[in-house]
């Protein structure tokens, strides 16, 4: 699960992920007037509830807004039987995924960890 198409392109460039992407269309950002209802969250919840996903990788940039969105999604999805993981913190806090080098991003995907609230 990613914020936008630029993150899909960044992850694809690593050649390490062989799955389906869910693009949220943004992240929760109260300062910018973006709330959960402005994002494509419900289709993701519906897929998980219907058993159409084995794992959700929370692949949002490690910013305050990205972490807020990850936490919100974790709360929405933790009751499903879907494994929820997040990228490891090889990506510097405060940076954007689309600017991470391929090696760091690849390692972050390969060494993802369970998301904990």
PDB file of N, CA and C in Angstrom:
ATOM      1  N   UNK A   1       0.846  -1.134   0.000  1.00  0.00           N
ATOM      2  CA  UNK A   1       0.000   0.000   0.000  1.00  0.00           C
ATOM      3  C   UNK A   1       0.910   1.219   0.000  1.00  0.00           C
ATOM      4  N   UNK A   2       0.702   2.092  -0.980  1.00  0.00           N
ATOM      5  CA  UNK A   2       1.561   3.260  -1.157  1.00  0.00           C
ATOM      6  C   UNK A   2       0.721   4.533  -1.270  1.00  0.00           C
ATOM      7  N   UNK A   3       1.401   5.658  -1.180  1.00  0.00           N
ATOM      8  CA  UNK A   3       0.726   6.949  -1.261  1.00  0.00           C
ATOM      9  C   UNK A   3       0.308   7.284  -2.692  1.00  0.00           C
ATOM     10  N   UNK A   4       1.249   7.192  -3.631  1.00  0.00           N
ATOM     11  CA  UNK A   4       0.928   7.557  -5.015  1.00  0.00           C
ATOM     12  C   UNK A   4       1.792   6.788  -6.002  1.00  0.00           C
ATOM     13  N   UNK A   5       1.594   7.060  -7.277  1.00  0.00           N
ATOM     14  CA  UNK A   5       2.258   6.313  -8.349  1.00  0.00           C
ATOM     15  C   UNK A   5       3.776   6.462  -8.312  1.00  0.00           C
ATOM     16  N   UNK A   6       4.275   7.581  -7.812  1.00  0.00           N
ATOM     17  CA  UNK A   6       5.728   7.766  -7.719  1.00  0.00           C
ATOM     18  C   UNK A   6       6.355   6.729  -6.793  1.00  0.00           C
ATOM     19  N   UNK A   7       5.627   6.354  -5.734  1.00  0.00           N
ATOM     20  CA  UNK A   7       6.127   5.327  -4.825  1.00  0.00           C
ATOM     21  C   UNK A   7       6.100   3.951  -5.495  1.00  0.00           C
ATOM     22  N   UNK A   8       5.079   3.700  -6.303  1.00  0.00           N
ATOM     23  CA  UNK A   8       5.028   2.440  -7.062  1.00  0.00           C
ATOM     24  C   UNK A   8       6.246   2.356  -7.962  1.00  0.00           C
ATOM     25  N   UNK A   9       6.553   3.423  -8.659  1.00  0.00           N
ATOM     26  CA  UNK A   9       7.694   3.432  -9.578  1.00  0.00           C
ATOM     27  C   UNK A   9       9.010   3.227  -8.825  1.00  0.00           C
ATOM     28  N   UNK A  10       9.135   3.845  -7.653  1.00  0.00           N
ATOM     29  CA  UNK A  10      10.356   3.693  -6.858  1.00  0.00           C
ATOM     30  C   UNK A  10      10.535   2.251  -6.397  1.00  0.00           C
ATOM     31  N   UNK A  11       9.459   1.635  -5.920  1.00  0.00           N
ATOM     32  CA  UNK A  11       9.534   0.243  -5.454  1.00  0.00           C
ATOM     33  C   UNK A  11       9.780  -0.693  -6.629  1.00  0.00           C
ATOM     34  N   UNK A  12       9.107  -0.465  -7.740  1.00  0.00           N
ATOM     35  CA  UNK A  12       9.293  -1.303  -8.927  1.00  0.00           C
ATOM     36  C   UNK A  12      10.737  -1.274  -9.415  1.00  0.00           C
ATOM     37  N   UNK A  13      11.394  -0.129  -9.273  1.00  0.00           N
ATOM     38  CA  UNK A  13      12.779  -0.016  -9.752  1.00  0.00           C
ATOM     39  C   UNK A  13      13.736  -0.918  -8.977  1.00  0.00           C
ATOM     40  N   UNK A  14      13.336  -1.368  -7.780  1.00  0.00           N
ATOM     41  CA  UNK A  14      14.201  -2.257  -7.000  1.00  0.00           C
ATOM     42  C   UNK A  14      14.148  -3.691  -7.498  1.00  0.00           C
ATOM     43  N   UNK A  15      13.050  -4.072  -8.139  1.00  0.00           N
ATOM     44  CA  UNK A  15      12.891  -5.447  -8.615  1.00  0.00           C
ATOM     45  C   UNK A  15      12.669  -6.456  -7.504  1.00  0.00           C
ATOM     46  N   UNK A  16      12.378  -6.013  -6.281  1.00  0.00           N
ATOM     47  CA  UNK A  16      12.239  -6.932  -5.144  1.00  0.00           C
ATOM     48  C   UNK A  16      10.814  -7.267  -4.770  1.00  0.00           C
ATOM     49  N   UNK A  17       9.865  -6.490  -5.208  1.00  0.00           N
ATOM     50  CA  UNK A  17       8.477  -6.731  -4.812  1.00  0.00           C
ATOM     51  C   UNK A  17       7.705  -7.301  -5.986  1.00  0.00           C
ATOM     52  N   UNK A  18       7.054  -8.427  -5.749  1.00  0.00           N
ATOM     53  CA  UNK A  18       6.286  -9.103  -6.789  1.00  0.00           C
ATOM     54  C   UNK A  18       4.837  -9.242  -6.359  1.00  0.00           C
ATOM     55  N   UNK A  19       4.170  -8.153  -6.102  1.00  0.00           N
ATOM     56  CA  UNK A  19       2.800  -8.213  -5.616  1.00  0.00           C
ATOM     57  C   UNK A  19       1.934  -7.153  -6.249  1.00  0.00           C
ATOM     58  N   UNK A  20       0.775  -6.973  -5.670  1.00  0.00           N
ATOM     59  CA  UNK A  20      -0.207  -6.001  -6.151  1.00  0.00           C
ATOM     60  C   UNK A  20      -0.114  -4.753  -5.271  1.00  0.00           C
ATOM     61  N   UNK A  21      -0.241  -3.607  -5.889  1.00  0.00           N
ATOM     62  CA  UNK A  21      -0.191  -2.343  -5.170  1.00  0.00           C
ATOM     63  C   UNK A  21      -1.600  -1.823  -4.915  1.00  0.00           C
ATOM     64  N   UNK A  22      -1.763  -1.161  -3.776  1.00  0.00           N
ATOM     65  CA  UNK A  22      -2.965  -0.389  -3.510  1.00  0.00           C
ATOM     66  C   UNK A  22      -2.491   1.046  -3.314  1.00  0.00           C
ATOM     67  N   UNK A  23      -2.938   1.945  -4.168  1.00  0.00           N
ATOM     68  CA  UNK A  23      -2.526   3.347  -4.109  1.00  0.00           C
ATOM     69  C   UNK A  23      -3.609   4.138  -3.372  1.00  0.00           C
ATOM     70  N   UNK A  24      -3.213   4.762  -2.260  1.00  0.00           N
ATOM     71  CA  UNK A  24      -4.158   5.519  -1.432  1.00  0.00           C
ATOM     72  C   UNK A  24      -4.580   6.837  -2.069  1.00  0.00           C
ATOM     73  N   UNK A  25      -3.716   7.421  -2.874  1.00  0.00           N
ATOM     74  CA  UNK A  25      -4.029   8.718  -3.449  1.00  0.00           C
ATOM     75  C   UNK A  25      -3.690   9.866  -2.521  1.00  0.00           C
ATOM     76  N   UNK A  26      -2.821   9.609  -1.557  1.00  0.00           N
ATOM     77  CA  UNK A  26      -2.394  10.649  -0.611  1.00  0.00           C
ATOM     78  C   UNK A  26      -2.202  10.051   0.764  1.00  0.00           C
ATOM     79  N   UNK A  27      -1.985  10.920   1.732  1.00  0.00           N
ATOM     80  CA  UNK A  27      -1.854  10.519   3.129  1.00  0.00           C
ATOM     81  C   UNK A  27      -2.664  11.488   3.986  1.00  0.00           C
ATOM     82  N   UNK A  28      -3.000  11.033   5.180  1.00  0.00           N
ATOM     83  CA  UNK A  28      -3.759  11.883   6.101  1.00  0.00           C
ATOM     84  C   UNK A  28      -2.883  13.074   6.501  1.00  0.00           C
ATOM     85  N   UNK A  29      -3.414  14.257   6.266  1.00  0.00           N
ATOM     86  CA  UNK A  29      -2.666  15.479   6.568  1.00  0.00           C
ATOM     87  C   UNK A  29      -3.648  16.577   6.974  1.00  0.00           C
ATOM     88  N   UNK A  30      -3.975  16.653   8.262  1.00  0.00           N
ATOM     89  CA  UNK A  30      -4.928  17.668   8.722  1.00  0.00           C
ATOM     90  C   UNK A  30      -4.520  19.098   8.352  1.00  0.00           C
ATOM     91  N   UNK A  31      -3.222  19.367   8.341  1.00  0.00           N
ATOM     92  CA  UNK A  31      -2.744  20.712   7.993  1.00  0.00           C
ATOM     93  C   UNK A  31      -3.094  21.076   6.551  1.00  0.00           C
ATOM     94  N   UNK A  32      -3.203  20.047   5.693  1.00  0.00           N
ATOM     95  CA  UNK A  32      -3.559  20.272   4.288  1.00  0.00           C
ATOM     96  C   UNK A  32      -5.030  19.991   4.020  1.00  0.00           C
ATOM     97  N   UNK A  33      -5.786  19.717   5.079  1.00  0.00           N
ATOM     98  CA  UNK A  33      -7.207  19.453   4.924  1.00  0.00           C
ATOM     99  C   UNK A  33      -7.523  18.086   4.329  1.00  0.00           C
ATOM    100  N   UNK A  34      -6.585  17.128   4.459  1.00  0.00           N
ATOM    101  CA  UNK A  34      -6.793  15.780   3.922  1.00  0.00           C
ATOM    102  C   UNK A  34      -7.059  14.827   5.072  1.00  0.00           C
ATOM    103  N   UNK A  35      -8.245  14.249   5.067  1.00  0.00           N
ATOM    104  CA  UNK A  35      -8.635  13.288   6.089  1.00  0.00           C
ATOM    105  C   UNK A  35      -8.798  11.904   5.495  1.00  0.00           C
ATOM    106  N   UNK A  36      -9.101  10.916   6.311  1.00  0.00           N
ATOM    107  CA  UNK A  36      -9.257   9.534   5.838  1.00  0.00           C
ATOM    108  C   UNK A  36     -10.306   9.384   4.731  1.00  0.00           C
ATOM    109  N   UNK A  37     -11.366  10.187   4.778  1.00  0.00           N
ATOM    110  CA  UNK A  37     -12.415  10.071   3.762  1.00  0.00           C
ATOM    111  C   UNK A  37     -11.980  10.589   2.393  1.00  0.00           C
ATOM    112  N   UNK A  38     -10.846  11.286   2.341  1.00  0.00           N
ATOM    113  CA  UNK A  38     -10.323  11.802   1.080  1.00  0.00           C
ATOM    114  C   UNK A  38      -9.424  10.788   0.366  1.00  0.00           C
ATOM    115  N   UNK A  39      -9.154   9.667   1.022  1.00  0.00           N
ATOM    116  CA  UNK A  39      -8.235   8.657   0.480  1.00  0.00           C
ATOM    117  C   UNK A  39      -8.987   7.388   0.087  1.00  0.00           C
ATOM    118  N   UNK A  40      -8.343   6.546  -0.692  1.00  0.00           N
ATOM    119  CA  UNK A  40      -8.927   5.273  -1.120  1.00  0.00           C
ATOM    120  C   UNK A  40      -8.634   4.191  -0.077  1.00  0.00           C
ATOM    121  N   UNK A  41      -9.220   4.354   1.106  1.00  0.00           N
ATOM    122  CA  UNK A  41      -9.002   3.426   2.213  1.00  0.00           C
ATOM    123  C   UNK A  41     -10.046   2.325   2.222  1.00  0.00           C
ATOM    124  N   UNK A  42     -11.305   2.666   2.026  1.00  0.00           N
ATOM    125  CA  UNK A  42     -12.379   1.665   2.123  1.00  0.00           C
ATOM    126  C   UNK A  42     -12.209   0.497   1.150  1.00  0.00           C
ATOM    127  N   UNK A  43     -11.781   0.736  -0.111  1.00  0.00           N
ATOM    128  CA  UNK A  43     -11.559  -0.420  -0.991  1.00  0.00           C
ATOM    129  C   UNK A  43     -10.506  -1.384  -0.448  1.00  0.00           C
ATOM    130  N   UNK A  44      -9.491  -0.863   0.231  1.00  0.00           N
ATOM    131  CA  UNK A  44      -8.471  -1.717   0.842  1.00  0.00           C
ATOM    132  C   UNK A  44      -9.065  -2.526   1.991  1.00  0.00           C
ATOM    133  N   UNK A  45      -9.848  -1.876   2.832  1.00  0.00           N
ATOM    134  CA  UNK A  45     -10.519  -2.553   3.944  1.00  0.00           C
ATOM    135  C   UNK A  45     -11.441  -3.645   3.400  1.00  0.00           C
ATOM    136  N   UNK A  46     -12.185  -3.329   2.341  1.00  0.00           N
ATOM    137  CA  UNK A  46     -13.099  -4.304   1.738  1.00  0.00           C
ATOM    138  C   UNK A  46     -12.355  -5.526   1.210  1.00  0.00           C
ATOM    139  N   UNK A  47     -11.214  -5.313   0.546  1.00  0.00           N
ATOM    140  CA  UNK A  47     -10.413  -6.433   0.025  1.00  0.00           C
ATOM    141  C   UNK A  47      -9.912  -7.320   1.169  1.00  0.00           C
ATOM    142  N   UNK A  48      -9.468  -6.708   2.235  1.00  0.00           N
ATOM    143  CA  UNK A  48      -8.951  -7.477   3.382  1.00  0.00           C
ATOM    144  C   UNK A  48     -10.073  -8.238   4.067  1.00  0.00           C
ATOM    145  N   UNK A  49     -11.200  -7.604   4.238  1.00  0.00           N
ATOM    146  CA  UNK A  49     -12.349  -8.247   4.873  1.00  0.00           C
ATOM    147  C   UNK A  49     -12.840  -9.429   4.042  1.00  0.00           C
ATOM    148  N   UNK A  50     -12.763  -9.307   2.722  1.00  0.00           N
ATOM    149  CA  UNK A  50     -13.220 -10.368   1.813  1.00  0.00           C
ATOM    150  C   UNK A  50     -12.174 -11.466   1.634  1.00  0.00           C
ATOM    151  N   UNK A  51     -11.023 -11.340   2.313  1.00  0.00           N
ATOM    152  CA  UNK A  51      -9.993 -12.362   2.204  1.00  0.00           C
ATOM    153  C   UNK A  51      -9.215 -12.319   0.909  1.00  0.00           C
ATOM    154  N   UNK A  52      -9.157 -11.172   0.273  1.00  0.00           N
ATOM    155  CA  UNK A  52      -8.457 -11.032  -1.000  1.00  0.00           C
ATOM    156  C   UNK A  52      -7.002 -10.603  -0.846  1.00  0.00           C
ATOM    157  N   UNK A  53      -6.517 -10.562   0.375  1.00  0.00           N
ATOM    158  CA  UNK A  53      -5.125 -10.185   0.623  1.00  0.00           C
ATOM    159  C   UNK A  53      -4.578 -11.041   1.758  1.00  0.00           C
ATOM    160  N   UNK A  54      -3.325 -11.475   1.617  1.00  0.00           N
ATOM    161  CA  UNK A  54      -2.640 -12.229   2.669  1.00  0.00           C
ATOM    162  C   UNK A  54      -1.813 -11.302   3.560  1.00  0.00           C
ATOM    163  N   UNK A  55      -1.310 -10.237   2.957  1.00  0.00           N
ATOM    164  CA  UNK A  55      -0.434  -9.311   3.672  1.00  0.00           C
ATOM    165  C   UNK A  55      -0.626  -7.913   3.115  1.00  0.00           C
ATOM    166  N   UNK A  56      -0.569  -6.938   3.993  1.00  0.00           N
ATOM    167  CA  UNK A  56      -0.554  -5.534   3.604  1.00  0.00           C
ATOM    168  C   UNK A  56       0.775  -4.960   4.091  1.00  0.00           C
ATOM    169  N   UNK A  57       1.552  -4.430   3.156  1.00  0.00           N
ATOM    170  CA  UNK A  57       2.802  -3.765   3.513  1.00  0.00           C
ATOM    171  C   UNK A  57       2.508  -2.274   3.561  1.00  0.00           C
ATOM    172  N   UNK A  58       2.646  -1.689   4.728  1.00  0.00           N
ATOM    173  CA  UNK A  58       2.456  -0.251   4.885  1.00  0.00           C
ATOM    174  C   UNK A  58       3.724   0.438   4.386  1.00  0.00           C
ATOM    175  N   UNK A  59       3.674   0.907   3.141  1.00  0.00           N
ATOM    176  CA  UNK A  59       4.854   1.471   2.487  1.00  0.00           C
ATOM    177  C   UNK A  59       4.680   2.968   2.257  1.00  0.00           C
ATOM    178  N   UNK A  60       4.497   3.676   3.345  1.00  0.00           N
ATOM    179  CA  UNK A  60       4.365   5.125   3.269  1.00  0.00           C
ATOM    180  C   UNK A  60       5.652   5.770   3.764  1.00  0.00           C
ATOM    181  N   UNK A  61       5.892   6.973   3.308  1.00  0.00           N
ATOM    182  CA  UNK A  61       7.101   7.690   3.723  1.00  0.00           C
ATOM    183  C   UNK A  61       7.102   7.866   5.243  1.00  0.00           C
ATOM    184  N   UNK A  62       8.281   7.745   5.870  1.00  0.00           N
ATOM    185  CA  UNK A  62       8.372   7.849   7.331  1.00  0.00           C
ATOM    186  C   UNK A  62       8.345   9.300   7.817  1.00  0.00           C
ATOM    187  N   UNK A  63       7.209   9.944   7.572  1.00  0.00           N
ATOM    188  CA  UNK A  63       6.985  11.310   8.028  1.00  0.00           C
ATOM    189  C   UNK A  63       5.872  11.272   9.068  1.00  0.00           C
ATOM    190  N   UNK A  64       5.598  12.384   9.699  1.00  0.00           N
ATOM    191  CA  UNK A  64       4.513  12.455  10.679  1.00  0.00           C
ATOM    192  C   UNK A  64       3.193  12.042  10.023  1.00  0.00           C
ATOM    193  N   UNK A  65       2.943  12.535   8.814  1.00  0.00           N
ATOM    194  CA  UNK A  65       1.706  12.220   8.110  1.00  0.00           C
ATOM    195  C   UNK A  65       1.659  10.753   7.678  1.00  0.00           C
ATOM    196  N   UNK A  66       2.812  10.239   7.217  1.00  0.00           N
ATOM    197  CA  UNK A  66       2.879   8.831   6.824  1.00  0.00           C
ATOM    198  C   UNK A  66       2.645   7.909   8.006  1.00  0.00           C
ATOM    199  N   UNK A  67       3.264   8.230   9.136  1.00  0.00           N
ATOM    200  CA  UNK A  67       3.069   7.416  10.342  1.00  0.00           C
ATOM    201  C   UNK A  67       1.634   7.500  10.848  1.00  0.00           C
ATOM    202  N   UNK A  68       1.036   8.684  10.759  1.00  0.00           N
ATOM    203  CA  UNK A  68      -0.366   8.845  11.160  1.00  0.00           C
ATOM    204  C   UNK A  68      -1.269   7.973  10.293  1.00  0.00           C
ATOM    205  N   UNK A  69      -1.018   7.986   8.994  1.00  0.00           N
ATOM    206  CA  UNK A  69      -1.807   7.186   8.067  1.00  0.00           C
ATOM    207  C   UNK A  69      -1.598   5.703   8.319  1.00  0.00           C
ATOM    208  N   UNK A  70      -0.340   5.287   8.548  1.00  0.00           N
ATOM    209  CA  UNK A  70      -0.056   3.887   8.877  1.00  0.00           C
ATOM    210  C   UNK A  70      -0.831   3.455  10.123  1.00  0.00           C
ATOM    211  N   UNK A  71      -0.812   4.280  11.151  1.00  0.00           N
ATOM    212  CA  UNK A  71      -1.508   3.947  12.396  1.00  0.00           C
ATOM    213  C   UNK A  71      -3.007   3.838  12.160  1.00  0.00           C
ATOM    214  N   UNK A  72      -3.577   4.770  11.406  1.00  0.00           N
ATOM    215  CA  UNK A  72      -4.999   4.730  11.098  1.00  0.00           C
ATOM    216  C   UNK A  72      -5.350   3.443  10.355  1.00  0.00           C
ATOM    217  N   UNK A  73      -4.547   3.089   9.359  1.00  0.00           N
ATOM    218  CA  UNK A  73      -4.806   1.873   8.591  1.00  0.00           C
ATOM    219  C   UNK A  73      -4.654   0.625   9.448  1.00  0.00           C
ATOM    220  N   UNK A  74      -3.650   0.619  10.305  1.00  0.00           N
ATOM    221  CA  UNK A  74      -3.472  -0.517  11.216  1.00  0.00           C
ATOM    222  C   UNK A  74      -4.717  -0.716  12.067  1.00  0.00           C
ATOM    223  N   UNK A  75      -5.254   0.371  12.609  1.00  0.00           N
ATOM    224  CA  UNK A  75      -6.465   0.275  13.436  1.00  0.00           C
ATOM    225  C   UNK A  75      -7.645  -0.243  12.624  1.00  0.00           C
ATOM    226  N   UNK A  76      -7.742   0.127  11.348  1.00  0.00           N
ATOM    227  CA  UNK A  76      -8.843  -0.327  10.492  1.00  0.00           C
ATOM    228  C   UNK A  76      -8.685  -1.793  10.077  1.00  0.00           C
ATOM    229  N   UNK A  77      -7.445  -2.272   9.968  1.00  0.00           N
ATOM    230  CA  UNK A  77      -7.188  -3.593   9.389  1.00  0.00           C
ATOM    231  C   UNK A  77      -6.814  -4.671  10.394  1.00  0.00           C
ATOM    232  N   UNK A  78      -6.470  -4.307  11.627  1.00  0.00           N
ATOM    233  CA  UNK A  78      -5.935  -5.308  12.563  1.00  0.00           C
ATOM    234  C   UNK A  78      -6.939  -6.403  12.913  1.00  0.00           C
ATOM    235  N   UNK A  79      -8.229  -6.162  12.758  1.00  0.00           N
ATOM    236  CA  UNK A  79      -9.234  -7.179  13.071  1.00  0.00           C
ATOM    237  C   UNK A  79      -9.381  -8.219  11.957  1.00  0.00           C
ATOM    238  N   UNK A  80      -8.812  -7.948  10.800  1.00  0.00           N
ATOM    239  CA  UNK A  80      -8.865  -8.915   9.698  1.00  0.00           C
ATOM    240  C   UNK A  80      -7.767  -9.956   9.913  1.00  0.00           C
ATOM    241  N   UNK A  81      -7.786 -10.994   9.131  1.00  0.00           N
ATOM    242  CA  UNK A  81      -6.751 -12.028   9.232  1.00  0.00           C
ATOM    243  C   UNK A  81      -5.562 -11.734   8.324  1.00  0.00           C
ATOM    244  N   UNK A  82      -5.397 -10.493   7.942  1.00  0.00           N
ATOM    245  CA  UNK A  82      -4.328 -10.093   7.047  1.00  0.00           C
ATOM    246  C   UNK A  82      -3.094  -9.719   7.862  1.00  0.00           C
ATOM    247  N   UNK A  83      -1.943 -10.214   7.436  1.00  0.00           N
ATOM    248  CA  UNK A  83      -0.672  -9.867   8.074  1.00  0.00           C
ATOM    249  C   UNK A  83      -0.354  -8.420   7.698  1.00  0.00           C
ATOM    250  N   UNK A  84      -0.050  -7.589   8.683  1.00  0.00           N
ATOM    251  CA  UNK A  84       0.259  -6.187   8.446  1.00  0.00           C
ATOM    252  C   UNK A  84       1.724  -5.951   8.777  1.00  0.00           C
ATOM    253  N   UNK A  85       2.476  -5.508   7.772  1.00  0.00           N
ATOM    254  CA  UNK A  85       3.887  -5.211   7.967  1.00  0.00           C
ATOM    255  C   UNK A  85       4.155  -3.790   7.504  1.00  0.00           C
ATOM    256  N   UNK A  86       5.306  -3.278   7.894  1.00  0.00           N
ATOM    257  CA  UNK A  86       5.722  -1.940   7.469  1.00  0.00           C
ATOM    258  C   UNK A  86       7.153  -2.028   6.975  1.00  0.00           C
ATOM    259  N   UNK A  87       7.538  -1.088   6.131  1.00  0.00           N
ATOM    260  CA  UNK A  87       8.922  -1.040   5.681  1.00  0.00           C
ATOM    261  C   UNK A  87       9.827  -0.844   6.892  1.00  0.00           C
ATOM    262  N   UNK A  88      10.972  -1.510   6.866  1.00  0.00           N
ATOM    263  CA  UNK A  88      11.926  -1.269   7.943  1.00  0.00           C
ATOM    264  C   UNK A  88      12.435   0.160   7.811  1.00  0.00           C
ATOM    265  N   UNK A  89      13.070   0.639   8.817  1.00  0.00           N
ATOM    266  CA  UNK A  89      13.449   2.050   8.838  1.00  0.00           C
ATOM    267  C   UNK A  89      14.815   2.312   8.224  1.00  0.00           C
ATOM    268  N   UNK A  90      15.128   1.596   7.156  1.00  0.00           N
ATOM    269  CA  UNK A  90      16.333   1.906   6.401  1.00  0.00           C
ATOM    270  C   UNK A  90      16.181   3.229   5.686  1.00  0.00           C
ATOM    271  N   UNK A  91      14.938   3.642   5.492  1.00  0.00           N
ATOM    272  CA  UNK A  91      14.656   4.927   4.883  1.00  0.00           C
ATOM    273  C   UNK A  91      14.639   5.955   6.006  1.00  0.00           C
ATOM    274  N   UNK A  92      15.360   7.013   5.826  1.00  0.00           N
ATOM    275  CA  UNK A  92      15.493   8.010   6.889  1.00  0.00           C
ATOM    276  C   UNK A  92      14.151   8.642   7.230  1.00  0.00           C
ATOM    277  N   UNK A  93      13.921   8.832   8.503  1.00  0.00           N
ATOM    278  CA  UNK A  93      12.698   9.505   8.962  1.00  0.00           C
ATOM    279  C   UNK A  93      12.688  10.922   8.413  1.00  0.00           C
ATOM    280  N   UNK A  94      11.551  11.317   7.879  1.00  0.00           N
ATOM    281  CA  UNK A  94      11.401  12.653   7.309  1.00  0.00           C
ATOM    282  C   UNK A  94      11.680  12.719   5.819  1.00  0.00           C
ATOM    283  N   UNK A  95      12.155  11.586   5.242  1.00  0.00           N
ATOM    284  CA  UNK A  95      12.432  11.592   3.807  1.00  0.00           C
ATOM    285  C   UNK A  95      11.239  11.043   3.033  1.00  0.00           C
ATOM    286  N   UNK A  96      11.302  11.105   1.732  1.00  0.00           N
ATOM    287  CA  UNK A  96      10.246  10.603   0.860  1.00  0.00           C
ATOM    288  C   UNK A  96      10.735   9.331   0.177  1.00  0.00           C
ATOM    289  N   UNK A  97       9.860   8.330   0.069  1.00  0.00           N
ATOM    290  CA  UNK A  97      10.225   7.056  -0.551  1.00  0.00           C
ATOM    291  C   UNK A  97      10.755   7.261  -1.964  1.00  0.00           C
ATOM    292  N   UNK A  98      10.137   8.147  -2.713  1.00  0.00           N
ATOM    293  CA  UNK A  98      10.523   8.325  -4.108  1.00  0.00           C
ATOM    294  C   UNK A  98      11.963   8.814  -4.278  1.00  0.00           C
ATOM    295  N   UNK A  99      12.578   9.357  -3.216  1.00  0.00           N
ATOM    296  CA  UNK A  99      13.955   9.835  -3.300  1.00  0.00           C
ATOM    297  C   UNK A  99      14.965   8.867  -2.685  1.00  0.00           C
ATOM    298  N   UNK A 100      14.505   7.749  -2.132  1.00  0.00           N
ATOM    299  CA  UNK A 100      15.419   6.771  -1.531  1.00  0.00           C
ATOM    300  C   UNK A 100      16.196   6.054  -2.634  1.00  0.00           C
ATOM    301  N   UNK A 101      17.451   5.733  -2.359  1.00  0.00           N
ATOM    302  CA  UNK A 101      18.223   4.981  -3.345  1.00  0.00           C
ATOM    303  C   UNK A 101      17.697   3.550  -3.422  1.00  0.00           C
ATOM    304  N   UNK A 102      17.948   2.881  -4.524  1.00  0.00           N
ATOM    305  CA  UNK A 102      17.385   1.552  -4.770  1.00  0.00           C
ATOM    306  C   UNK A 102      17.836   0.514  -3.744  1.00  0.00           C
ATOM    307  N   UNK A 103      19.064   0.578  -3.295  1.00  0.00           N
ATOM    308  CA  UNK A 103      19.561  -0.407  -2.328  1.00  0.00           C
ATOM    309  C   UNK A 103      18.849  -0.246  -0.988  1.00  0.00           C
ATOM    310  N   UNK A 104      18.754   0.976  -0.505  1.00  0.00           N
ATOM    311  CA  UNK A 104      18.066   1.230   0.770  1.00  0.00           C
ATOM    312  C   UNK A 104      16.609   0.821   0.674  1.00  0.00           C
ATOM    313  N   UNK A 105      15.943   1.192  -0.403  1.00  0.00           N
ATOM    314  CA  UNK A 105      14.540   0.852  -0.576  1.00  0.00           C
ATOM    315  C   UNK A 105      14.353  -0.654  -0.700  1.00  0.00           C
ATOM    316  N   UNK A 106      15.226  -1.313  -1.429  1.00  0.00           N
ATOM    317  CA  UNK A 106      15.148  -2.762  -1.584  1.00  0.00           C
ATOM    318  C   UNK A 106      15.308  -3.464  -0.234  1.00  0.00           C
ATOM    319  N   UNK A 107      16.281  -3.030   0.550  1.00  0.00           N
ATOM    320  CA  UNK A 107      16.492  -3.629   1.881  1.00  0.00           C
ATOM    321  C   UNK A 107      15.305  -3.353   2.800  1.00  0.00           C
ATOM    322  N   UNK A 108      14.706  -2.185   2.687  1.00  0.00           N
ATOM    323  CA  UNK A 108      13.547  -1.851   3.509  1.00  0.00           C
ATOM    324  C   UNK A 108      12.378  -2.777   3.203  1.00  0.00           C
ATOM    325  N   UNK A 109      12.220  -3.121   1.936  1.00  0.00           N
ATOM    326  CA  UNK A 109      11.153  -4.043   1.554  1.00  0.00           C
ATOM    327  C   UNK A 109      11.463  -5.446   2.040  1.00  0.00           C
ATOM    328  N   UNK A 110      12.690  -5.903   1.810  1.00  0.00           N
ATOM    329  CA  UNK A 110      13.062  -7.265   2.187  1.00  0.00           C
ATOM    330  C   UNK A 110      13.061  -7.474   3.698  1.00  0.00           C
ATOM    331  N   UNK A 111      13.373  -6.445   4.466  1.00  0.00           N
ATOM    332  CA  UNK A 111      13.476  -6.570   5.914  1.00  0.00           C
ATOM    333  C   UNK A 111      12.302  -5.924   6.637  1.00  0.00           C
ATOM    334  N   UNK A 112      11.165  -5.897   5.984  1.00  0.00           N
ATOM    335  CA  UNK A 112       9.984  -5.303   6.613  1.00  0.00           C
ATOM    336  C   UNK A 112       9.652  -6.048   7.904  1.00  0.00           C
ATOM    337  N   UNK A 113       8.999  -5.338   8.786  1.00  0.00           N
ATOM    338  CA  UNK A 113       8.703  -5.864  10.106  1.00  0.00           C
ATOM    339  C   UNK A 113       7.216  -5.724  10.412  1.00  0.00           C
ATOM    340  N   UNK A 114       6.691  -6.496  11.361  1.00  0.00           N
ATOM    341  CA  UNK A 114       5.282  -6.319  11.738  1.00  0.00           C
ATOM    342  C   UNK A 114       5.068  -4.902  12.255  1.00  0.00           C
ATOM    343  N   UNK A 115       3.952  -4.304  11.864  1.00  0.00           N
ATOM    344  CA  UNK A 115       3.621  -2.956  12.315  1.00  0.00           C
ATOM    345  C   UNK A 115       3.075  -3.052  13.733  1.00  0.00           C
ATOM    346  N   UNK A 116       3.584  -2.219  14.623  1.00  0.00           N
ATOM    347  CA  UNK A 116       3.122  -2.222  16.007  1.00  0.00           C
ATOM    348  C   UNK A 116       2.603  -0.839  16.353  1.00  0.00           C
ATOM    349  N   UNK A 117       1.470  -0.828  17.025  1.00  0.00           N
ATOM    350  CA  UNK A 117       0.897   0.473  17.409  1.00  0.00           C
ATOM    351  C   UNK A 117       1.501   0.983  18.687  1.00  0.00           C
TER     352      UNK A 117
END
